[in-house]
Amino acid sequence: MVGADYPWPEANDIGVNPYPLTGAQKATYFRDEVAKRPVNIRNIQHRTGSTILGNYDHNYHVVNTVGGYSNPRAFIDEQPTLPAIAEGADVVKTILDIERGRGGHFSFVDDYNAGYLTGSGDYKNKTVIVNRFSAPGSRESMAPAFKDFRAGELSVYNSIPYRNMTTRRPFQGVTSSIVPEPTGMRSYDHTGRDFGFTNLAARHSTRFFRDSTLVADVDYSNVPRNSVATSSGPGNADDAFSEKPSFHKVHRNNILRPELRIITSPIYSGNTLGNNKKVEYNTISTGSSIINKDINMSQELIATMTSSTDVGISFSSWVQILSSGDSNGTQRTIYSLGAVGSTSPFFEIGYEKGSTSNFFIELQTTDAGGTRTARFTASVSNSSLYSTGPNHLVVGFSGDSGSISTKNDAKIYFNGSLLTTGVDVTPKDLYDIDFKSNYNFRGTSTIRDGRGVLLSAAEL
């Protein structure tokens, strides 16, 4: 690149310094652009009716960018006058504004001039390309008033759940009186009524593919799909060609046909759980209770309960406690397990009658200082204890062998409610496992068992 006064070899006289050139003047006029260029290339706009031939018609043929919302030239060059009620919003109108000015309705938002988005003149945008990602066919997603007024690119009604709502009409009710209005832009179905696709898709066909809403079934109005052809029903000779057809024409085969069915019924063998009996306590003899007669079962329960881990025992039963013979201070056994020494059960659940009665848990414990019968109680009202029931009793106990005095948990539930359980006699740290020879129970006999009584129909 050289200056305008850079000489050619023989420019100045012989013996004279060739630079700067003195035999020619510098140019004072410019050709088109001010900046000099090494090439003679220029973009010339071709205009209608002009004798100048150019190489482009619009600015975007030479330079362009995308994103009207990011580059709102039309909005900046010509500020629109928006309705005052739309101040602070991104969109001026909603779907509620469609056809509001007709039929005596008031308008939520007045119309405004949106010509600044597509106008003409110096401010007309021919450089920024506006993006519109939409599916045409719905005015609430295409009309300028329903898109953002900044650039006319975005519409809340362009997302799939809200697209074409004036055609789908998902919140429309069903009534034969719905008809299209005679003026304005309205949608209507194959029967000339303003039903949306959601409504039409939900309605079934009556006999002969008549519309179940528009063609009343005078024979069986509550079962239109099973109508019969009579002189007054759908499909008779005088109105067969004038009745409104159904949107769906799906054949419903209502012909009765035999089907092979196999009916099975259970057949039980051996011991079964009928769940049809309850246990009544205090019926045959004083101290009636449930007794584990299975020695192996007793051994397993006790071995698990007295292991070094924090594993306990739970008892659940439907019980019926009778008040006959009970007085304040009377103590009854409901369930007991094992026998320690000569008379004491290893683990016992029962109740004690009083002005306010108590359920109790008794447990044989020991340490180097001797044995002790630990006792946990939970109070229960007499009206609940002796209610006609049957009542559901659940008892749970666990204790960490070696530290039962501090690590124990006793819970008593009666008819689904957790009773407040406290410690009357604190246990010692070890379980007393000085059992009788065969894990039997004191005085085990059939008369000590609670009596099995069939549940009544109401109780079942």
Protein backbone atom coordinates (compact mmCIF):
# COMPACT_ATOMS: atom_id res chain seq x y z
CA MET A 1 0.00 0.00 0.00
CA VAL A 2 1.54 3.38 -1.05
CA GLY A 3 0.45 6.99 -1.00
CA ALA A 4 -1.03 8.96 -3.89
CA ASP A 5 2.30 10.82 -4.43
CA TYR A 6 4.32 7.63 -4.85
CA PRO A 7 6.14 8.11 -8.24
CA TRP A 8 6.67 5.98 -11.19
CA PRO A 9 10.39 5.46 -12.08
CA GLU A 10 10.72 8.41 -14.50
CA ALA A 11 8.33 10.78 -12.81
CA ASN A 12 10.68 13.67 -11.79
CA ASP A 13 13.55 15.20 -13.79
CA ILE A 14 16.88 13.44 -14.07
CA GLY A 15 18.93 13.93 -10.96
CA VAL A 16 15.90 14.95 -8.88
CA ASN A 17 14.76 12.81 -5.96
CA PRO A 18 11.86 10.70 -7.35
CA TYR A 19 9.85 10.91 -4.13
CA PRO A 20 7.62 12.66 -3.57
CA LEU A 21 6.15 12.99 -7.03
CA THR A 22 5.99 16.64 -8.11
CA GLY A 23 4.83 16.26 -11.66
CA ALA A 24 1.17 15.51 -10.76
CA GLN A 25 -1.33 16.88 -8.25
CA LYS A 26 -3.09 14.83 -5.60
CA ALA A 27 -6.74 13.88 -6.25
CA THR A 28 -9.30 16.04 -4.45
CA TYR A 29 -12.41 14.05 -5.43
CA PHE A 30 -13.42 10.62 -4.21
CA ARG A 31 -15.11 7.82 -6.13
CA ASP A 32 -18.13 6.70 -4.09
CA GLU A 33 -16.73 5.77 -0.68
CA VAL A 34 -14.27 8.05 1.12
CA ALA A 35 -11.83 5.27 1.90
CA LYS A 36 -9.73 4.31 -1.06
CA ARG A 37 -9.80 0.67 -1.98
CA PRO A 38 -7.49 -1.50 -3.97
CA VAL A 39 -10.44 -2.96 -5.88
CA ASN A 40 -13.40 -1.39 -7.64
CA ILE A 41 -16.20 -3.48 -6.00
CA ARG A 42 -19.41 -2.14 -4.46
CA ASN A 43 -22.87 -3.40 -3.42
CA ILE A 44 -25.45 -1.43 -5.39
CA GLN A 45 -29.13 -1.60 -4.39
CA HIS A 46 -31.52 -2.20 -7.21
CA ARG A 47 -34.68 -0.15 -6.91
CA THR A 48 -37.97 -0.48 -8.75
CA GLY A 49 -38.17 1.89 -11.77
CA SER A 50 -34.49 2.81 -11.50
CA THR A 51 -32.10 2.75 -14.44
CA ILE A 52 -29.31 1.69 -12.12
CA LEU A 53 -28.76 -2.01 -12.11
CA GLY A 54 -27.78 -3.33 -8.72
CA ASN A 55 -26.84 -6.59 -7.16
CA TYR A 56 -29.31 -6.65 -4.21
CA ASP A 57 -32.87 -5.58 -3.42
CA HIS A 58 -33.01 -5.54 0.42
CA ASN A 59 -30.53 -5.01 3.21
CA TYR A 60 -30.80 -8.63 4.37
CA HIS A 61 -29.36 -9.72 1.02
CA VAL A 62 -26.04 -8.19 2.13
CA VAL A 63 -26.12 -8.09 5.93
CA ASN A 64 -28.60 -9.65 8.32
CA THR A 65 -29.03 -11.06 11.80
CA VAL A 66 -31.66 -13.16 13.53
CA GLY A 67 -33.73 -12.70 16.68
CA GLY A 68 -36.20 -9.86 16.68
CA TYR A 69 -36.61 -10.06 20.45
CA SER A 70 -32.86 -9.55 20.94
CA ASN A 71 -32.67 -6.85 18.21
CA PRO A 72 -36.05 -5.03 18.33
CA ARG A 73 -35.31 -2.42 15.66
CA ALA A 74 -38.96 -1.89 14.68
CA PHE A 75 -39.96 -1.44 18.34
CA ILE A 76 -37.15 1.07 18.93
CA ASP A 77 -37.54 3.07 15.70
CA GLU A 78 -41.31 3.50 16.09
CA GLN A 79 -42.54 3.25 19.68
CA PRO A 80 -46.12 1.90 19.70
CA THR A 81 -48.95 3.27 21.80
CA LEU A 82 -50.09 0.32 23.92
CA PRO A 83 -53.31 0.14 25.97
CA ALA A 84 -52.75 1.34 29.53
CA ILE A 85 -54.20 -1.87 30.98
CA ALA A 86 -51.34 -3.84 29.39
CA GLU A 87 -48.65 -1.91 31.23
CA GLY A 88 -46.08 -4.25 32.75
CA ALA A 89 -47.08 -7.26 30.63
CA ASP A 90 -45.20 -8.90 27.77
CA VAL A 91 -48.34 -9.70 25.78
CA VAL A 92 -51.21 -7.26 25.26
CA LYS A 93 -54.14 -9.64 24.73
CA THR A 94 -55.14 -13.13 25.84
CA ILE A 95 -57.56 -15.70 24.48
CA LEU A 96 -60.31 -14.10 26.58
CA ASP A 97 -60.21 -11.06 24.27
CA ILE A 98 -61.29 -12.99 21.17
CA GLU A 99 -64.67 -11.74 19.87
CA ARG A 100 -65.25 -9.77 23.07
CA GLY A 101 -66.65 -6.77 21.22
CA ARG A 102 -69.54 -8.71 19.69
CA GLY A 103 -72.91 -9.74 21.02
CA GLY A 104 -73.13 -6.94 23.58
CA HIS A 105 -69.98 -8.01 25.45
CA PHE A 106 -67.43 -5.50 26.73
CA SER A 107 -63.78 -5.59 25.66
CA PHE A 108 -61.10 -6.39 28.18
CA VAL A 109 -58.36 -4.67 26.12
CA ASP A 110 -58.93 -2.17 23.31
CA ASP A 111 -57.37 -2.68 19.90
CA TYR A 112 -54.07 -0.94 19.14
CA ASN A 113 -51.95 -0.36 16.03
CA ALA A 114 -49.38 -3.12 15.54
CA GLY A 115 -48.16 -1.71 12.22
CA TYR A 116 -44.78 -0.82 13.69
CA LEU A 117 -43.85 -4.50 13.39
CA THR A 118 -44.46 -4.67 9.63
CA GLY A 119 -44.68 -0.99 8.60
CA SER A 120 -43.00 0.88 5.75
CA GLY A 121 -40.62 3.84 5.60
CA ASP A 122 -37.21 4.44 7.07
CA TYR A 123 -38.03 2.40 10.15
CA LYS A 124 -39.14 -0.65 8.22
CA ASN A 125 -36.98 -3.56 9.29
CA LYS A 126 -35.08 -5.17 6.41
CA THR A 127 -32.06 -6.40 8.34
CA VAL A 128 -33.23 -8.29 11.46
CA ILE A 129 -34.96 -11.59 10.69
CA VAL A 130 -37.85 -12.32 13.06
CA ASN A 131 -38.15 -15.94 14.21
CA ARG A 132 -41.57 -17.51 14.49
CA PHE A 133 -41.64 -21.11 15.75
CA SER A 134 -45.32 -21.88 15.45
CA ALA A 135 -47.85 -24.12 13.78
CA PRO A 136 -50.14 -21.89 11.68
CA GLY A 137 -53.86 -22.30 11.97
CA SER A 138 -54.60 -20.62 15.28
CA ARG A 139 -55.11 -16.89 15.52
CA GLU A 140 -54.22 -16.79 19.20
CA SER A 141 -50.69 -17.90 18.27
CA MET A 142 -50.34 -15.91 15.00
CA ALA A 143 -52.06 -12.54 15.51
CA PRO A 144 -49.68 -9.71 16.64
CA ALA A 145 -51.82 -8.83 19.68
CA PHE A 146 -51.34 -12.30 21.14
CA LYS A 147 -47.54 -12.29 20.72
CA ASP A 148 -44.95 -10.26 22.54
CA PHE A 149 -45.23 -6.61 21.52
CA ARG A 150 -41.44 -6.18 21.56
CA ALA A 151 -40.84 -8.18 18.36
CA GLY A 152 -43.87 -10.36 17.63
CA GLU A 153 -41.87 -13.60 17.98
CA LEU A 154 -43.22 -15.39 21.05
CA SER A 155 -46.71 -16.57 22.01
CA VAL A 156 -47.86 -18.40 25.12
CA TYR A 157 -50.40 -20.19 22.93
CA ASN A 158 -47.69 -21.80 20.80
CA SER A 159 -46.78 -24.50 23.34
CA ILE A 160 -48.38 -27.89 22.79
CA PRO A 161 -50.82 -27.81 25.78
CA TYR A 162 -52.27 -24.44 24.69
CA ARG A 163 -52.04 -24.61 20.91
CA ASN A 164 -55.21 -24.34 18.80
CA MET A 165 -57.42 -23.85 21.86
CA THR A 166 -60.20 -22.20 19.83
CA THR A 167 -60.41 -25.39 17.80
CA ARG A 168 -59.87 -27.95 20.55
CA ARG A 169 -61.85 -26.06 23.24
CA PRO A 170 -60.81 -28.38 26.09
CA PHE A 171 -63.04 -26.70 28.73
CA GLN A 172 -66.27 -26.69 26.75
CA GLY A 173 -69.41 -28.23 28.19
CA VAL A 174 -71.82 -30.54 26.37
CA THR A 175 -75.25 -29.27 25.39
CA SER A 176 -77.24 -29.47 22.20
CA SER A 177 -78.03 -25.74 22.42
CA ILE A 178 -74.45 -24.70 21.56
CA VAL A 179 -74.54 -23.02 18.12
CA PRO A 180 -72.04 -20.87 16.24
CA GLU A 181 -72.53 -17.10 16.29
CA PRO A 182 -73.44 -15.66 12.88
CA THR A 183 -70.74 -12.97 12.82
CA GLY A 184 -67.02 -12.88 13.36
CA MET A 185 -64.45 -15.61 13.06
CA ARG A 186 -65.96 -18.74 14.56
CA SER A 187 -65.18 -22.45 14.34
CA TYR A 188 -67.89 -25.04 13.87
CA ASP A 189 -68.05 -28.79 13.46
CA HIS A 190 -69.65 -31.11 10.91
CA THR A 191 -73.11 -30.40 12.35
CA GLY A 192 -72.77 -26.60 12.14
CA ARG A 193 -72.30 -26.19 15.90
CA ASP A 194 -69.47 -24.68 17.85
CA PHE A 195 -68.19 -27.90 19.44
CA GLY A 196 -64.43 -28.37 19.85
CA PHE A 197 -62.36 -31.46 19.10
CA THR A 198 -62.10 -32.38 22.77
CA ASN A 199 -65.86 -32.46 23.12
CA LEU A 200 -66.43 -34.38 19.89
CA ALA A 201 -63.77 -36.97 20.71
CA ALA A 202 -65.47 -37.76 24.04
CA ARG A 203 -68.96 -38.40 22.65
CA HIS A 204 -69.96 -41.83 21.43
CA SER A 205 -72.23 -42.89 18.60
CA THR A 206 -75.79 -44.03 19.09
CA ARG A 207 -77.47 -46.62 16.92
CA PHE A 208 -76.98 -45.99 13.20
CA PHE A 209 -74.07 -43.64 14.05
CA ARG A 210 -76.26 -40.78 15.27
CA ASP A 211 -74.81 -38.11 17.55
CA SER A 212 -75.51 -39.09 21.16
CA THR A 213 -76.03 -35.48 22.24
CA LEU A 214 -78.00 -34.01 19.35
CA VAL A 215 -80.27 -36.96 18.52
CA ALA A 216 -82.38 -37.80 21.56
CA ASP A 217 -83.36 -41.41 22.16
CA VAL A 218 -87.02 -41.22 23.11
CA ASP A 219 -87.15 -44.94 23.88
CA TYR A 220 -84.17 -45.26 26.21
CA SER A 221 -82.97 -41.77 27.03
CA ASN A 222 -80.55 -42.99 29.67
CA VAL A 223 -78.96 -45.61 27.40
CA PRO A 224 -78.71 -43.99 23.96
CA ARG A 225 -76.17 -46.43 22.58
CA ASN A 226 -78.58 -49.36 23.00
CA SER A 227 -81.57 -47.80 21.26
CA VAL A 228 -83.92 -49.94 19.22
CA ALA A 229 -85.37 -48.95 15.86
CA THR A 230 -89.00 -47.98 16.38
CA SER A 231 -91.35 -45.50 14.79
CA SER A 232 -90.21 -42.86 17.28
CA GLY A 233 -86.57 -43.78 17.79
CA PRO A 234 -83.47 -42.82 15.80
CA GLY A 235 -83.25 -44.25 12.32
CA ASN A 236 -86.97 -44.38 11.52
CA ALA A 237 -88.12 -43.65 7.99
CA ASP A 238 -89.17 -40.02 8.38
CA ASP A 239 -85.91 -38.63 9.74
CA ALA A 240 -83.24 -41.13 8.69
CA PHE A 241 -81.60 -38.58 6.33
CA SER A 242 -81.91 -35.47 8.51
CA GLU A 243 -80.51 -36.65 11.85
CA LYS A 244 -77.14 -35.34 12.92
CA PRO A 245 -74.28 -37.82 12.42
CA SER A 246 -71.74 -38.65 15.08
CA PHE A 247 -68.18 -37.37 14.88
CA HIS A 248 -66.95 -40.93 15.43
CA LYS A 249 -68.31 -43.76 13.33
CA VAL A 250 -66.92 -46.73 15.20
CA HIS A 251 -68.99 -49.90 15.02
CA ARG A 252 -70.05 -51.31 18.37
CA ASN A 253 -70.82 -55.00 18.17
CA ASN A 254 -73.51 -55.52 20.79
CA ILE A 255 -74.46 -59.04 19.69
CA LEU A 256 -74.45 -61.46 22.59
CA ARG A 257 -71.94 -64.26 22.07
CA PRO A 258 -70.90 -67.17 24.26
CA GLU A 259 -67.54 -67.03 25.97
CA LEU A 260 -65.68 -69.85 27.68
CA ARG A 261 -65.20 -69.17 31.37
CA ILE A 262 -63.55 -71.30 34.02
CA ILE A 263 -64.75 -70.71 37.57
CA THR A 264 -62.40 -71.93 40.27
CA SER A 265 -63.03 -72.29 43.96
CA PRO A 266 -60.43 -73.01 46.67
CA ILE A 267 -60.33 -76.38 48.42
CA TYR A 268 -58.51 -76.37 51.74
CA SER A 269 -56.88 -79.31 53.47
CA GLY A 270 -55.24 -79.53 56.86
CA ASN A 271 -55.21 -76.67 59.34
CA THR A 272 -56.64 -73.39 58.06
CA LEU A 273 -57.08 -69.90 59.46
CA GLY A 274 -60.80 -69.27 59.39
CA ASN A 275 -60.55 -65.99 61.32
CA ASN A 276 -64.09 -66.53 62.55
CA LYS A 277 -63.52 -67.06 66.29
CA LYS A 278 -62.63 -64.85 69.23
CA VAL A 279 -61.28 -65.76 72.68
CA GLU A 280 -63.35 -64.97 75.75
CA TYR A 281 -61.42 -64.60 79.02
CA ASN A 282 -62.64 -65.23 82.55
CA THR A 283 -65.31 -67.70 81.43
CA ILE A 284 -64.62 -71.22 82.71
CA SER A 285 -62.15 -70.74 85.56
CA THR A 286 -60.20 -68.01 87.24
CA GLY A 287 -57.06 -67.10 85.30
CA SER A 288 -58.16 -68.40 81.90
CA SER A 289 -55.48 -67.62 79.33
CA ILE A 290 -53.87 -68.63 76.02
CA ILE A 291 -51.12 -71.23 76.53
CA ASN A 292 -48.38 -72.34 74.16
CA LYS A 293 -48.57 -76.14 74.38
CA ASP A 294 -46.00 -76.65 71.61
CA ILE A 295 -42.71 -77.10 73.50
CA ASN A 296 -40.57 -76.52 70.39
CA MET A 297 -42.40 -73.26 69.66
CA SER A 298 -41.86 -72.08 73.23
CA GLN A 299 -38.18 -72.92 73.09
CA GLU A 300 -37.72 -70.99 69.84
CA LEU A 301 -39.57 -67.93 71.16
CA ILE A 302 -37.58 -67.84 74.39
CA ALA A 303 -34.25 -68.51 72.64
CA THR A 304 -34.86 -65.63 70.23
CA MET A 305 -36.08 -63.28 72.93
CA THR A 306 -33.17 -63.93 75.31
CA SER A 307 -30.42 -63.73 72.71
CA SER A 308 -27.77 -61.02 72.98
CA THR A 309 -29.31 -58.98 70.14
CA ASP A 310 -32.13 -56.51 70.60
CA VAL A 311 -34.86 -58.92 69.50
CA GLY A 312 -38.21 -59.13 71.25
CA ILE A 313 -41.61 -60.78 71.14
CA SER A 314 -45.00 -59.58 69.94
CA PHE A 315 -48.51 -60.82 70.64
CA SER A 316 -51.64 -59.98 68.64
CA SER A 317 -55.17 -61.29 69.19
CA TRP A 318 -58.85 -60.42 69.07
CA VAL A 319 -59.96 -60.65 72.70
CA GLN A 320 -63.25 -60.51 74.57
CA ILE A 321 -62.80 -59.76 78.28
CA LEU A 322 -65.81 -60.42 80.51
CA SER A 323 -66.38 -58.58 83.80
CA SER A 324 -68.16 -61.39 85.68
CA GLY A 325 -66.28 -62.20 88.90
CA ASP A 326 -63.84 -59.31 88.55
CA SER A 327 -63.43 -56.78 91.37
CA ASN A 328 -60.84 -54.14 92.11
CA GLY A 329 -57.49 -55.83 92.47
CA THR A 330 -58.43 -58.92 90.44
CA GLN A 331 -55.57 -59.89 88.11
CA ARG A 332 -56.11 -62.07 85.03
CA THR A 333 -53.60 -63.67 82.67
CA ILE A 334 -54.21 -63.31 78.92
CA TYR A 335 -51.02 -64.92 77.61
CA SER A 336 -47.97 -66.51 79.25
CA LEU A 337 -44.81 -68.18 78.02
CA GLY A 338 -42.42 -70.48 79.86
CA ALA A 339 -42.13 -71.26 83.56
CA VAL A 340 -39.37 -70.14 85.89
CA GLY A 341 -38.86 -71.72 89.28
CA SER A 342 -42.02 -73.37 90.52
CA THR A 343 -44.87 -71.02 89.67
CA SER A 344 -43.78 -67.88 87.83
CA PRO A 345 -44.27 -67.51 84.06
CA PHE A 346 -41.14 -66.30 82.26
CA PHE A 347 -43.21 -63.80 80.20
CA GLU A 348 -46.81 -62.87 80.95
CA ILE A 349 -49.47 -60.50 79.51
CA GLY A 350 -52.62 -59.75 81.48
CA TYR A 351 -54.88 -57.13 83.01
CA GLU A 352 -55.71 -55.92 86.50
CA LYS A 353 -59.16 -54.62 87.45
CA GLY A 354 -59.35 -51.27 89.24
CA SER A 355 -61.21 -47.95 89.14
CA THR A 356 -59.04 -47.48 86.07
CA SER A 357 -57.77 -50.85 84.92
CA ASN A 358 -54.31 -51.68 83.59
CA PHE A 359 -52.83 -54.01 81.02
CA PHE A 360 -49.52 -55.38 82.29
CA ILE A 361 -46.40 -57.12 81.04
CA GLU A 362 -44.40 -59.14 83.58
CA LEU A 363 -40.92 -60.51 82.87
CA GLN A 364 -38.57 -62.61 85.02
CA THR A 365 -35.12 -60.98 85.25
CA THR A 366 -31.99 -61.55 87.35
CA ASP A 367 -28.44 -60.46 88.10
CA ALA A 368 -25.77 -61.30 90.70
CA GLY A 369 -28.00 -59.87 93.43
CA GLY A 370 -30.93 -62.18 92.75
CA THR A 371 -34.15 -62.38 90.69
CA ARG A 372 -36.85 -59.79 90.11
CA THR A 373 -40.23 -59.78 88.36
CA ALA A 374 -40.21 -56.67 86.14
CA ARG A 375 -43.58 -55.07 85.46
CA PHE A 376 -44.75 -52.64 82.74
CA THR A 377 -48.31 -51.23 82.80
CA ALA A 378 -50.63 -49.19 80.57
CA SER A 379 -53.92 -47.82 81.90
CA VAL A 380 -57.22 -48.44 80.13
CA SER A 381 -60.74 -47.41 81.05
CA ASN A 382 -63.11 -50.11 82.27
CA SER A 383 -65.65 -49.19 79.60
CA SER A 384 -63.03 -49.94 76.94
CA LEU A 385 -61.62 -53.01 78.67
CA TYR A 386 -65.01 -54.73 79.08
CA SER A 387 -66.63 -53.45 75.85
CA THR A 388 -68.58 -55.97 73.77
CA GLY A 389 -65.85 -56.00 71.11
CA PRO A 390 -64.20 -58.13 70.08
CA ASN A 391 -61.24 -55.87 70.75
CA HIS A 392 -57.83 -55.99 69.14
CA LEU A 393 -54.88 -56.27 71.53
CA VAL A 394 -51.25 -55.98 70.40
CA VAL A 395 -48.33 -56.21 72.84
CA GLY A 396 -44.65 -55.89 71.99
CA PHE A 397 -41.54 -56.13 74.15
CA SER A 398 -37.82 -56.12 73.45
CA GLY A 399 -34.80 -55.88 75.72
CA ASP A 400 -31.06 -56.09 75.18
CA SER A 401 -29.83 -59.07 77.18
CA GLY A 402 -27.14 -57.88 79.56
CA SER A 403 -28.56 -54.36 79.94
CA ILE A 404 -32.34 -54.84 80.08
CA SER A 405 -32.63 -52.32 82.91
CA THR A 406 -31.69 -49.47 80.56
CA LYS A 407 -32.36 -50.95 77.12
CA ASN A 408 -35.98 -52.10 76.98
CA ASP A 409 -39.04 -51.18 74.98
CA ALA A 410 -42.61 -52.15 75.95
CA LYS A 411 -45.61 -51.11 73.89
CA ILE A 412 -49.32 -51.96 74.24
CA TYR A 413 -51.92 -51.19 71.57
CA PHE A 414 -55.66 -51.53 72.15
CA ASN A 415 -58.00 -51.25 69.16
CA GLY A 416 -55.30 -49.54 67.14
CA SER A 417 -54.40 -46.90 69.72
CA LEU A 418 -50.99 -46.84 71.40
CA LEU A 419 -51.47 -46.76 75.17
CA THR A 420 -49.03 -44.88 77.39
CA THR A 421 -46.85 -47.62 78.86
CA GLY A 422 -44.71 -47.05 81.95
CA VAL A 423 -42.36 -49.03 84.20
CA ASP A 424 -43.78 -50.11 87.56
CA VAL A 425 -40.91 -52.43 88.51
CA THR A 426 -37.57 -51.87 86.76
CA PRO A 427 -36.06 -55.05 85.30
CA LYS A 428 -32.59 -56.29 86.14
CA ASP A 429 -30.00 -56.63 83.38
CA LEU A 430 -30.35 -60.34 82.56
CA TYR A 431 -33.23 -62.63 81.63
CA ASP A 432 -33.97 -65.28 84.27
CA ILE A 433 -33.67 -68.52 82.30
CA ASP A 434 -33.85 -70.93 85.24
CA PHE A 435 -36.70 -72.72 83.50
CA LYS A 436 -38.62 -75.77 84.58
CA SER A 437 -37.50 -78.98 82.89
CA ASN A 438 -39.83 -78.91 79.84
CA TYR A 439 -40.67 -75.22 79.38
CA ASN A 440 -44.18 -76.10 80.53
CA PHE A 441 -46.67 -73.73 82.14
CA ARG A 442 -47.92 -73.71 85.65
CA GLY A 443 -51.16 -75.64 85.86
CA THR A 444 -51.36 -76.26 82.11
CA SER A 445 -54.75 -77.78 81.28
CA THR A 446 -57.57 -77.29 78.80
CA ILE A 447 -59.72 -75.50 81.36
CA ARG A 448 -57.17 -72.69 81.57
CA ASP A 449 -57.51 -71.89 77.87
CA GLY A 450 -59.74 -69.08 76.78
CA ARG A 451 -62.97 -70.38 75.30
CA GLY A 452 -63.30 -70.22 71.50
CA VAL A 453 -66.60 -68.56 70.51
CA LEU A 454 -67.85 -68.08 66.95
CA LEU A 455 -68.06 -64.47 65.86
CA SER A 456 -71.52 -63.09 65.16
CA ALA A 457 -72.52 -61.80 61.71
CA ALA A 458 -72.14 -58.20 62.89
CA GLU A 459 -68.69 -58.92 64.32
CA LEU A 460 -67.57 -60.53 61.05
